[in-house]
């Protein structure tokens, strides 16, 4: 009885009725293999419990839908059987046949097909065979793990070998639970790694997951989550698709709105083609098309119902088994026509549906349209001329059974004659002892093993699905993943060859948060996945040189961040250089003041016998002027690149020379007071009027400072250092004082002397003498103390070259204050007001009280002071 399969003009509306007739097709032979393929999708019976079997299965009329792409599986069986029967070296004088059955994603239909095969003649009679001679030797079936388990539970009762061509499932390797089940598919243990490698390559990290709701799907989810965590990839959501249409109906769970509402652009889909047809049927007009789909090796993304277009999955990337080409298979497909196999009702029904032959209700049998057409002209959603991974596995599976039978008959031929009546009688259980050890090389040159422990690791081609405006589609290889290849050669991808569909040839964004650019770092958000973050600028002095930096890194001491904070630049080594404008100005001022002081000294030397020079202790004036010359010149030690020698000399020379200058002023003020107080008869102060007292004051005060400096140099001497923090982008070479305590002690001692001079001079400012310089000393000490009192806070608040500049300025300004306040008025009198400096002014005078300074000589050389009554 031929099965009349109506044409497929039924894109919409009620699908045609499909009367159950199994086997669909058969080819007789001395030995027969049962083949279970998923060629039709049948509407699920919504009845439950006992209602499932209220009507006779063979009387039930169900709407069905052709799964055109799976027809290649039937043709691969036919091609393999024909090759085996032509091969004189494989099963010689024995023909191999097959019975092909349809399997469904429903428990009762799977059980029905298995019982029909066991009973024979299309009858469902448990524990009874209607066949006169049982030629059945093995079953090839189980496109999914669920179907393999459903069939295996029944077939194992009769010890029939069941060889699964579906995806490899480690759970089916349990020989205690499934002693008669064998798997031919390669292992997918590295599939999750390949998917994550693809995700990481395109810098996606916010992924949606759609997996089949079974143990195999759970295992893949667990593996890919672990791999994603290693590569900082996050799962936005996980949706589980029921593995059968019945479970989908019973669950009442519509997962599509959740996918539509998600902002995730990249979705990984894992499951077999038949299970994921539910995803195709679930599409609605508002289904989100703006997504990047990543399909795993068992989902034929091109398979879809006739009335649903492929634009939704345009630009998808899918992993497909990387297989060798079987010689002659493509040529065989090109020659397939209904006229070549006139009795093949399956081919006739496929032809009517795929080529959309018009229906003629008035005729009892529908006519074949395009009888001379080729399968090559069909669109990809109907038929693929390239051998699929499933077809390749089925081809090898048929050969594995043939080689197992060949091995058994070779053993029998050694014991019995070929014409023995029982020669072709073969209990199916005998194959178990041979199947597990079968190993052969197929026509493509690949080694094939039936033993799961020796199965090869799957290799994958990465294909890009393209759907064109004329409703044609294609798959283009854009890369591959070979797990066992050396690192760097295991994963390849040609990004330029990928068409992203709706994304204008740009790589879509698949992230929760936009990447942080160099100069920023990721800041995690509380309660969010690690892939969701904010971008924060790097702190001062730190950089990040790559995208999505977790942390910023500090630049070295000799480097500084650029303005974008994405790289470190070498700092410019700088110091107070004589070539700089500031250094040049200080040098000019220092030399000028030194020269001016030398001129003043020259004036004093030239007019050394004038009253004003003599009256103010000529020796101390010379000492003070010479020390001021060196004070101005010592500022030059602070200009230029510091060295160990200059650092040792800077503070010590400055401290000692300034101490000499201040102690000279102190000696001047002391002598003024002693001179006027000591001339009274009987005064004990007269003992301090010795000519060398002023020398002792200078030597003692300067000596104490020299001792302090010596201790400083011995305990913690100053040294040159590189200041990397004071000025941005610069390394400032300056002298470190070594000991801040010693530095401020020296300044404090010098301040103590200056304060003493100021106090004594202030007390002596009104003493009666024409040439009394106490007022000038008072003012000069006021300037001196003001400068150095201002120096301390300013010095503390500045950094880098500014510290050096502040100290040089204080040296020059305080020195200029001493020079200007003490000596410039005297030079003015000497050079411009000579009438106020005659020798006749030197005489004895009476003080304001009418007393005569008895004992005073016309000229007291030891003190240089002359008595003045007024």
Foldseek 3Di string as FASTA:
>chain_A
DAFAFAAAPPQDDFAFWGQDFFPNDKDDWLAEEEEEFAFKEWDDDQDDDPVVPPDPNRPDITGIAGQQARVVLVVLLVVLQVVQQPDCVFPHPTHYMYTYHYDAQDLVRLVQRLQCVQQDPSDRDPPHHPDPAHRYFAYEDDQDPVSCLSNQVVVVVQLHAYEYLHADDPVCVPCVSRVRYFYFAFHAPCQLVQVVVVCVVLPFAEEEEEEAPDPVRVVSVVVNVVVSVVVNHDYNYYHHQYQHPNVVVVVPDLCQVVVVPDPFQEYEYEDAQNSCLVVQVSDDPSRDLRHAYEYEARHPLLAHRPNGFSSSHALYKYKHFDDFAFPPQLVVQFPDFCVVVVSNSVRVSLQSHQVVQDDDVVDPHGDGPPRVHGPVPTFVNNYDSGQGSSSVSSSVVSVLVSVLVSVVLVVVVVPDPPPDPCSSPDRNNVSSVRSQADWDAHNRRDIGGRNNVPRHHTKIFMWTWHADPVRGIDIDGFWIAQPPDPPPPRTDGRLQPGDNNPPRSDSDHRAQDDKAAKQWEWADDPPDRPRHTDTHGADAQWIDQGIHHHHTHHDDLQWGADPSRNDTDGFAADEQACPDPLNVVLVVLLVVQLVVLVVLLVLCVVPVVFLLCLAQPVVLSNQLSVLLSVLSVLLNLRHDFDAFVSQQCNLLVNLLSLQLNLLSLLLSLVLLVLVVQVLDPPDPSVVCLFLCNSVCSSCVRSVVLNVLSVVQCVPFQKGWDFDRPQDHRHTFIGIDRRDPVSSVVSVVSSLVSLVSSLVSLVVSVPPDAPNNLSVLSNQLSVQLNVLVVVLVVQLVPHDGNVNSSSVSVSSSRSSVSNCCSRRPVVCCCVPPVVVSTDPVVQDWAAAPVRDGSPPDDSADSSSSRGHHND
